Amino acid sequence: MRLYVKKTKNKKGVKESLWIDFTHNGVRHRKPLNLDNTPANRKLAEKQMIPDIQCQINTGELFKNKMKTVDEYMKISFELQKSNRKKFTIMDYISKYNKHLQPVFGKKLLNTIKGTDITEWQNSMLEKGYAIETIKSVRGILSTIFEDAVRAELIEKNPVKYASIMSKRKQVKKATNEIMPFSISEIKSLIQSTRTEQMKNFYMLLFTTGLRGGEAIGLEWSKVDFEKMEIEISSQIGRGVVGSPKWDSFRTVPITEALLPYLQKQFEMTGNENSYVFLNTHSKPFWDISKIREGEWKKDLERAGIKYRKIHQTRHTFCSTHISAGEDINLISKIAGHSSPRMTLEVYSKYIPRDLSDFGKAFNNI
């Protein structure tokens, strides 16, 4: 068992604290003694604490319910981060943790996970076809759990920081295939084939405004202004939780001529309820966009003879169609609620019209 000094930075400068390093049953452990590095504390550690700890190791007491599993500490970490996260974000993170992280890491002790374990998990996610941005997002959840454990001095290092860095070049081909906008003829076919009036109205809202699915099911009639011909986007619903739009993208979107008759028909159906624009069979707002995606959306695409695409492609369709028509990217970015026009340009640059017939003529008069 080795006594060593760990240096950490804080607002007051560099702090030196005493830690111990030892191996037990083939597993290396580093534990804090919660003592500052002073001559008196080093003497205390060497003469009293280390012998006590060695005795606890020999009897098995040291590891009895001491080190927590990832599952156990996830609950603690989520509670610590509660004030920094919105309810919708918390629900989303819990869902991602349960789906992607818990089966792999949940039962393992925090101090047994290495950077190579994270790398292997990343590779398995890539093999399953998940996008790099999705993997990074989920990895961020795991990293925060370990960072909280480091701050609590349960472990010394965050293993996520020692995992391999993922390169976007690995998925260049996949990334270009992620945007699969609907053609105008496909939209017409979908609307005509859809059996329920509400879903026709819902799809047209998505196609003509670029709303995210959660924003559409979270839309209330009080936010729809037929006189000004605009809709205020100030909330979304996800997994039954009402929250602010993604990235806090509060905005106003126009009611276009194409959308107007569909929105008016929807008002005839649910406008008198003085509630949400779209209601389920129990006259309640939809719990989550997945209820529509896995139900009506999937069936309506099959009925129209259209290859399945995620409902989020309606948003891609809105952006790519308008950009292809020569609309201002700044305006499209604002209506879509993107973080910046730069983001819009990076994602949809290939849809910018390119007529090169007059290119270069600006210099003809030199």
Protein backbone atom coordinates (compact mmCIF):
# COMPACT_ATOMS: atom_id res chain seq x y z
CA MET A 1 0.00 0.00 0.00
CA ARG A 2 1.47 3.31 -1.11
CA LEU A 3 0.79 6.77 0.32
CA TYR A 4 0.92 9.56 -2.24
CA VAL A 5 0.00 13.20 -2.72
CA LYS A 6 -2.68 14.31 -5.16
CA LYS A 7 -2.74 17.90 -6.37
CA THR A 8 -6.02 19.56 -7.39
CA LYS A 9 -6.76 23.10 -8.50
CA ASN A 10 -9.39 25.26 -6.85
CA LYS A 11 -10.22 28.95 -6.57
CA LYS A 12 -7.61 29.43 -3.87
CA GLY A 13 -4.83 27.76 -5.84
CA VAL A 14 -3.45 24.22 -5.70
CA LYS A 15 -4.60 21.86 -2.96
CA GLU A 16 -2.51 18.86 -1.90
CA SER A 17 -4.34 15.93 -0.32
CA LEU A 18 -3.25 12.47 0.82
CA TRP A 19 -4.36 9.35 -1.06
CA ILE A 20 -3.48 5.67 -0.90
CA ASP A 21 -2.82 3.32 -3.80
CA PHE A 22 -3.13 -0.48 -3.51
CA THR A 23 -4.23 -3.59 -5.38
CA HIS A 24 -6.84 -6.02 -4.07
CA ASN A 25 -7.93 -9.19 -5.88
CA GLY A 26 -6.28 -7.98 -9.05
CA VAL A 27 -8.08 -4.62 -9.01
CA ARG A 28 -6.17 -1.40 -8.44
CA HIS A 29 -7.72 1.04 -5.96
CA ARG A 30 -6.97 4.68 -5.23
CA LYS A 31 -8.72 6.15 -2.21
CA PRO A 32 -8.62 9.56 -0.53
CA LEU A 33 -7.80 9.82 3.15
CA ASN A 34 -9.55 13.20 3.31
CA LEU A 35 -6.43 14.77 4.80
CA ASP A 36 -4.37 17.73 3.63
CA ASN A 37 -0.72 17.08 2.88
CA THR A 38 1.00 18.18 6.10
CA PRO A 39 3.79 16.50 8.11
CA ALA A 40 1.38 15.76 10.96
CA ASN A 41 -1.21 14.22 8.63
CA ARG A 42 1.39 12.10 6.84
CA LYS A 43 2.52 10.73 10.20
CA LEU A 44 -1.10 10.03 11.15
CA ALA A 45 -1.68 8.25 7.85
CA GLU A 46 1.44 6.09 8.09
CA LYS A 47 1.20 5.19 11.76
CA GLN A 48 -2.55 4.79 12.21
CA MET A 49 -4.77 5.05 9.14
CA ILE A 50 -2.89 2.79 6.73
CA PRO A 51 -2.59 -0.07 9.27
CA ASP A 52 -6.32 0.29 10.01
CA ILE A 53 -7.17 0.19 6.33
CA GLN A 54 -4.93 -2.85 5.79
CA CYS A 55 -6.78 -4.59 8.61
CA GLN A 56 -10.14 -3.73 7.01
CA ILE A 57 -8.89 -5.15 3.70
CA ASN A 58 -7.86 -8.40 5.38
CA THR A 59 -11.25 -8.80 7.09
CA GLY A 60 -13.22 -7.67 4.03
CA GLU A 61 -14.81 -4.75 5.85
CA LEU A 62 -13.31 -2.08 3.59
CA PHE A 63 -15.25 -3.14 0.52
CA LYS A 64 -18.50 -4.05 2.24
CA ASN A 65 -21.07 -1.67 0.71
CA LYS A 66 -18.40 1.01 0.21
CA MET A 67 -17.88 1.33 -3.52
CA LYS A 68 -21.10 1.95 -5.44
CA THR A 69 -22.19 0.53 -8.75
CA VAL A 70 -22.86 2.80 -11.71
CA ASP A 71 -26.59 2.19 -11.20
CA GLU A 72 -26.38 3.28 -7.58
CA TYR A 73 -24.33 6.37 -8.24
CA MET A 74 -26.40 7.35 -11.27
CA LYS A 75 -29.29 8.08 -8.91
CA ILE A 76 -27.03 10.22 -6.72
CA SER A 77 -25.56 12.05 -9.72
CA PHE A 78 -28.97 12.77 -11.22
CA GLU A 79 -30.09 14.20 -7.90
CA LEU A 80 -26.97 16.39 -7.73
CA GLN A 81 -27.60 17.68 -11.26
CA LYS A 82 -31.34 18.16 -10.75
CA SER A 83 -31.22 21.94 -10.40
CA ASN A 84 -29.16 22.24 -13.60
CA ARG A 85 -31.54 20.25 -15.79
CA LYS A 86 -35.07 20.75 -17.03
CA LYS A 87 -37.68 18.09 -16.28
CA PHE A 88 -37.82 17.14 -19.96
CA THR A 89 -34.02 16.78 -20.06
CA ILE A 90 -34.01 14.60 -16.95
CA MET A 91 -36.62 12.28 -18.46
CA ASP A 92 -34.65 12.13 -21.69
CA TYR A 93 -31.38 11.33 -19.87
CA ILE A 94 -33.02 8.61 -17.77
CA SER A 95 -34.41 7.02 -20.92
CA LYS A 96 -31.02 7.12 -22.66
CA TYR A 97 -29.26 5.76 -19.58
CA ASN A 98 -31.68 2.85 -19.26
CA LYS A 99 -31.47 2.02 -22.96
CA HIS A 100 -27.77 2.46 -23.74
CA LEU A 101 -25.74 2.51 -20.51
CA GLN A 102 -27.48 0.45 -17.83
CA PRO A 103 -27.23 -2.90 -19.65
CA VAL A 104 -23.47 -2.49 -20.11
CA PHE A 105 -22.26 -0.58 -17.05
CA GLY A 106 -25.11 -0.56 -14.54
CA LYS A 107 -24.03 -3.47 -12.32
CA LYS A 108 -20.31 -2.68 -12.43
CA LEU A 109 -18.50 -0.90 -9.60
CA LEU A 110 -17.41 2.64 -10.41
CA ASN A 111 -13.74 1.93 -9.79
CA THR A 112 -13.61 -1.11 -12.10
CA ILE A 113 -14.48 0.68 -15.35
CA LYS A 114 -11.60 1.70 -17.60
CA GLY A 115 -11.25 3.90 -20.65
CA THR A 116 -10.99 0.80 -22.84
CA ASP A 117 -14.42 -0.32 -21.58
CA ILE A 118 -15.90 2.98 -22.77
CA THR A 119 -14.14 2.62 -26.12
CA GLU A 120 -15.55 -0.90 -26.60
CA TRP A 121 -19.02 0.41 -25.78
CA GLN A 122 -18.61 3.24 -28.32
CA ASN A 123 -17.57 0.76 -30.99
CA SER A 124 -20.56 -1.46 -30.30
CA MET A 125 -22.87 1.56 -30.62
CA LEU A 126 -21.27 2.43 -33.97
CA GLU A 127 -21.74 -1.15 -35.17
CA LYS A 128 -25.43 -0.92 -34.27
CA GLY A 129 -25.70 2.10 -36.58
CA TYR A 130 -26.00 4.92 -34.05
CA ALA A 131 -24.77 8.32 -35.18
CA ILE A 132 -21.63 9.71 -33.59
CA GLU A 133 -23.52 12.71 -32.20
CA THR A 134 -25.98 10.35 -30.50
CA ILE A 135 -23.14 8.33 -28.96
CA LYS A 136 -21.42 11.51 -27.76
CA SER A 137 -24.65 12.67 -26.17
CA VAL A 138 -25.09 9.41 -24.25
CA ARG A 139 -21.41 9.32 -23.33
CA GLY A 140 -21.82 12.80 -21.85
CA ILE A 141 -24.40 11.44 -19.43
CA LEU A 142 -21.97 8.75 -18.29
CA SER A 143 -19.12 11.26 -18.03
CA THR A 144 -21.14 13.50 -15.70
CA ILE A 145 -21.85 10.53 -13.42
CA PHE A 146 -18.13 9.80 -13.15
CA GLU A 147 -17.24 13.48 -12.69
CA ASP A 148 -19.62 13.66 -9.74
CA ALA A 149 -17.98 10.53 -8.32
CA VAL A 150 -14.55 12.14 -8.72
CA ARG A 151 -15.73 15.27 -6.91
CA ALA A 152 -17.07 13.06 -4.13
CA GLU A 153 -13.62 11.45 -4.02
CA LEU A 154 -15.03 7.97 -4.58
CA ILE A 155 -12.72 7.51 -7.56
CA GLU A 156 -9.64 9.37 -8.68
CA LYS A 157 -10.19 9.67 -12.44
CA ASN A 158 -13.03 9.82 -14.93
CA PRO A 159 -12.53 6.82 -17.28
CA VAL A 160 -14.58 8.49 -20.03
CA LYS A 161 -11.72 10.94 -20.56
CA TYR A 162 -9.45 8.01 -21.43
CA ALA A 163 -11.73 6.54 -24.09
CA SER A 164 -10.83 6.84 -27.77
CA ILE A 165 -11.96 9.98 -29.55
CA MET A 166 -14.52 9.28 -32.25
CA SER A 167 -13.88 10.78 -35.67
CA LYS A 168 -16.73 12.15 -37.74
CA ARG A 169 -14.97 10.83 -40.83
CA LYS A 170 -16.09 7.33 -39.85
CA GLN A 171 -19.67 8.23 -40.58
CA VAL A 172 -19.47 10.69 -43.45
CA LYS A 173 -21.50 8.40 -45.68
CA LYS A 174 -24.14 7.75 -43.00
CA ALA A 175 -24.42 11.43 -42.11
CA THR A 176 -25.27 12.38 -45.69
CA ASN A 177 -28.03 9.74 -45.69
CA GLU A 178 -29.66 11.01 -42.53
CA ILE A 179 -31.49 13.81 -44.36
CA MET A 180 -34.16 12.23 -46.56
CA PRO A 181 -36.70 14.97 -47.34
CA PHE A 182 -40.11 14.18 -48.77
CA SER A 183 -40.92 15.36 -52.27
CA ILE A 184 -44.01 17.49 -52.87
CA SER A 185 -45.68 14.54 -54.62
CA GLU A 186 -44.97 12.31 -51.61
CA ILE A 187 -46.48 14.89 -49.26
CA LYS A 188 -49.61 15.07 -51.43
CA SER A 189 -49.86 11.29 -51.47
CA LEU A 190 -49.44 11.08 -47.71
CA ILE A 191 -52.10 13.70 -47.00
CA GLN A 192 -54.55 12.07 -49.40
CA SER A 193 -53.98 8.59 -47.99
CA THR A 194 -54.22 9.58 -44.33
CA ARG A 195 -57.62 8.53 -42.98
CA THR A 196 -58.08 10.85 -40.00
CA GLU A 197 -58.55 14.58 -40.48
CA GLN A 198 -56.53 15.37 -37.37
CA MET A 199 -53.45 13.55 -38.68
CA LYS A 200 -53.74 15.31 -42.03
CA ASN A 201 -53.74 18.62 -40.17
CA PHE A 202 -50.88 17.47 -37.94
CA TYR A 203 -48.66 16.41 -40.84
CA MET A 204 -49.26 19.66 -42.70
CA LEU A 205 -48.31 21.62 -39.59
CA LEU A 206 -45.01 19.72 -39.41
CA PHE A 207 -44.21 20.05 -43.11
CA THR A 208 -45.02 23.75 -43.39
CA THR A 209 -43.55 25.04 -40.13
CA GLY A 210 -40.61 22.73 -39.42
CA LEU A 211 -41.79 22.20 -35.84
CA ARG A 212 -40.23 19.43 -33.83
CA GLY A 213 -42.67 16.65 -32.96
CA GLY A 214 -42.70 17.55 -29.27
CA GLU A 215 -43.39 21.19 -30.10
CA ALA A 216 -46.34 20.22 -32.30
CA ILE A 217 -48.07 18.05 -29.68
CA GLY A 218 -47.28 20.72 -27.07
CA LEU A 219 -48.94 23.50 -29.08
CA GLU A 220 -51.93 25.22 -27.43
CA TRP A 221 -54.64 27.23 -29.20
CA SER A 222 -53.75 30.24 -27.07
CA LYS A 223 -50.48 30.38 -29.00
CA VAL A 224 -52.18 30.43 -32.41
CA ASP A 225 -53.08 33.86 -33.80
CA PHE A 226 -55.18 33.69 -36.94
CA GLU A 227 -55.30 37.50 -37.26
CA LYS A 228 -51.54 37.94 -37.31
CA MET A 229 -51.16 34.61 -39.13
CA GLU A 230 -48.50 33.35 -36.76
CA ILE A 231 -47.84 30.72 -34.10
CA GLU A 232 -45.84 31.23 -30.92
CA ILE A 233 -43.60 28.31 -30.03
CA SER A 234 -42.94 28.30 -26.30
CA SER A 235 -43.23 24.70 -25.12
CA GLN A 236 -42.95 21.04 -26.02
CA ILE A 237 -44.14 17.74 -24.58
CA GLY A 238 -41.93 14.70 -24.17
CA ARG A 239 -42.77 11.56 -22.18
CA GLY A 240 -45.64 13.35 -20.53
CA VAL A 241 -43.52 16.27 -19.36
CA VAL A 242 -44.23 19.82 -20.53
CA GLY A 243 -41.07 21.88 -20.95
CA SER A 244 -39.50 24.66 -22.98
CA PRO A 245 -38.44 23.99 -26.59
CA LYS A 246 -35.13 22.29 -27.29
CA TRP A 247 -32.19 24.68 -26.84
CA ASP A 248 -34.75 27.19 -25.49
CA SER A 249 -35.61 28.01 -29.11
CA PHE A 250 -38.62 30.23 -28.32
CA ARG A 251 -39.83 31.74 -31.58
CA THR A 252 -42.73 32.74 -33.80
CA VAL A 253 -43.49 30.88 -37.02
CA PRO A 254 -45.80 32.06 -39.83
CA ILE A 255 -49.07 30.41 -40.78
CA THR A 256 -48.69 29.95 -44.52
CA GLU A 257 -51.47 29.80 -47.10
CA ALA A 258 -50.82 26.09 -47.50
CA LEU A 259 -51.27 25.47 -43.77
CA LEU A 260 -54.20 27.82 -43.08
CA PRO A 261 -57.13 25.61 -44.24
CA TYR A 262 -55.78 22.62 -42.31
CA LEU A 263 -55.33 24.67 -39.15
CA GLN A 264 -58.86 26.06 -39.52
CA LYS A 265 -60.26 22.53 -39.83
CA GLN A 266 -58.37 21.52 -36.71
CA PHE A 267 -59.81 24.50 -34.87
CA GLU A 268 -63.30 23.27 -35.71
CA MET A 269 -62.38 19.97 -34.07
CA THR A 270 -60.58 21.06 -30.89
CA GLY A 271 -60.73 24.86 -30.78
CA ASN A 272 -63.70 24.95 -28.44
CA GLU A 273 -61.81 22.85 -25.93
CA ASN A 274 -59.58 25.88 -25.19
CA SER A 275 -56.71 23.45 -24.85
CA TYR A 276 -54.00 21.83 -26.93
CA VAL A 277 -54.38 21.89 -30.69
CA PHE A 278 -54.02 18.13 -31.07
CA LEU A 279 -55.79 15.76 -28.68
CA ASN A 280 -55.82 11.98 -28.37
CA THR A 281 -58.93 9.81 -28.18
CA HIS A 282 -59.29 10.71 -24.49
CA SER A 283 -59.33 14.45 -25.28
CA LYS A 284 -55.89 14.80 -23.69
CA PRO A 285 -52.62 16.01 -25.22
CA PHE A 286 -50.40 13.28 -26.64
CA TRP A 287 -47.98 11.83 -24.07
CA ASP A 288 -45.07 11.74 -26.51
CA ILE A 289 -44.42 12.05 -30.24
CA SER A 290 -43.48 8.35 -30.23
CA LYS A 291 -47.18 7.52 -29.79
CA ILE A 292 -47.87 9.10 -33.19
CA ARG A 293 -44.63 7.92 -34.80
CA GLU A 294 -45.20 4.26 -33.97
CA GLY A 295 -48.94 4.42 -34.61
CA GLU A 296 -50.59 6.62 -37.21
CA TRP A 297 -47.40 7.82 -38.90
CA LYS A 298 -46.10 4.36 -39.69
CA LYS A 299 -49.48 3.14 -40.95
CA ASP A 300 -50.13 6.26 -43.04
CA LEU A 301 -46.77 5.95 -44.80
CA GLU A 302 -47.52 2.30 -45.64
CA ARG A 303 -50.96 3.25 -46.90
CA ALA A 304 -49.45 5.93 -49.16
CA GLY A 305 -46.82 3.52 -50.45
CA ILE A 306 -43.98 5.67 -49.13
CA LYS A 307 -40.78 4.16 -47.72
CA TYR A 308 -40.61 4.60 -43.95
CA ARG A 309 -38.80 7.65 -42.67
CA LYS A 310 -38.68 9.07 -39.18
CA ILE A 311 -41.26 11.76 -38.51
CA HIS A 312 -38.36 14.18 -37.89
CA GLN A 313 -37.80 14.11 -41.66
CA THR A 314 -40.76 16.48 -41.94
CA ARG A 315 -38.51 19.09 -40.30
CA HIS A 316 -35.70 18.31 -42.73
CA THR A 317 -38.23 18.61 -45.54
CA PHE A 318 -39.28 22.07 -44.38
CA CYS A 319 -35.69 23.33 -44.32
CA SER A 320 -34.39 21.68 -47.47
CA THR A 321 -37.46 22.56 -49.57
CA HIS A 322 -37.36 26.25 -48.67
CA ILE A 323 -33.59 26.48 -49.11
CA SER A 324 -33.86 24.76 -52.52
CA ALA A 325 -36.45 27.39 -53.46
CA GLY A 326 -33.94 30.15 -52.71
CA GLU A 327 -35.36 31.32 -49.38
CA ASP A 328 -33.02 33.21 -47.04
CA ILE A 329 -31.07 30.81 -44.80
CA ASN A 330 -31.15 33.28 -41.90
CA LEU A 331 -34.95 33.31 -42.04
CA ILE A 332 -35.22 29.52 -42.29
CA SER A 333 -32.84 29.15 -39.35
CA LYS A 334 -34.94 31.53 -37.26
CA ILE A 335 -38.24 29.81 -38.06
CA ALA A 336 -36.79 26.33 -37.47
CA GLY A 337 -35.33 27.38 -34.14
CA HIS A 338 -31.78 26.37 -34.95
CA SER A 339 -28.99 27.49 -32.65
CA SER A 340 -27.51 29.65 -35.43
CA PRO A 341 -27.64 30.20 -39.22
CA ARG A 342 -24.22 28.56 -39.32
CA MET A 343 -25.73 25.32 -38.08
CA THR A 344 -28.45 25.54 -40.77
CA LEU A 345 -25.83 26.15 -43.44
CA GLU A 346 -23.66 23.23 -42.33
CA VAL A 347 -26.58 20.78 -42.38
CA TYR A 348 -28.40 21.94 -45.52
CA SER A 349 -25.66 23.50 -47.68
CA LYS A 350 -26.16 20.91 -50.43
CA TYR A 351 -29.69 22.21 -51.00
CA ILE A 352 -28.57 25.77 -51.85
CA PRO A 353 -29.43 26.44 -55.52
CA ARG A 354 -26.31 26.47 -57.69
CA ASP A 355 -26.78 28.15 -61.04
CA LEU A 356 -23.22 28.70 -62.28
CA SER A 357 -24.14 30.04 -65.71
CA ASP A 358 -23.30 33.64 -64.71
CA PHE A 359 -20.52 32.79 -62.28
CA GLY A 360 -17.37 34.87 -62.72
CA LYS A 361 -18.96 37.68 -64.78
CA ALA A 362 -18.42 40.16 -61.95
CA PHE A 363 -14.80 40.48 -63.10
CA ASN A 364 -15.55 40.82 -66.82
CA ASN A 365 -15.14 44.60 -66.86
CA ILE A 366 -11.61 44.61 -65.49
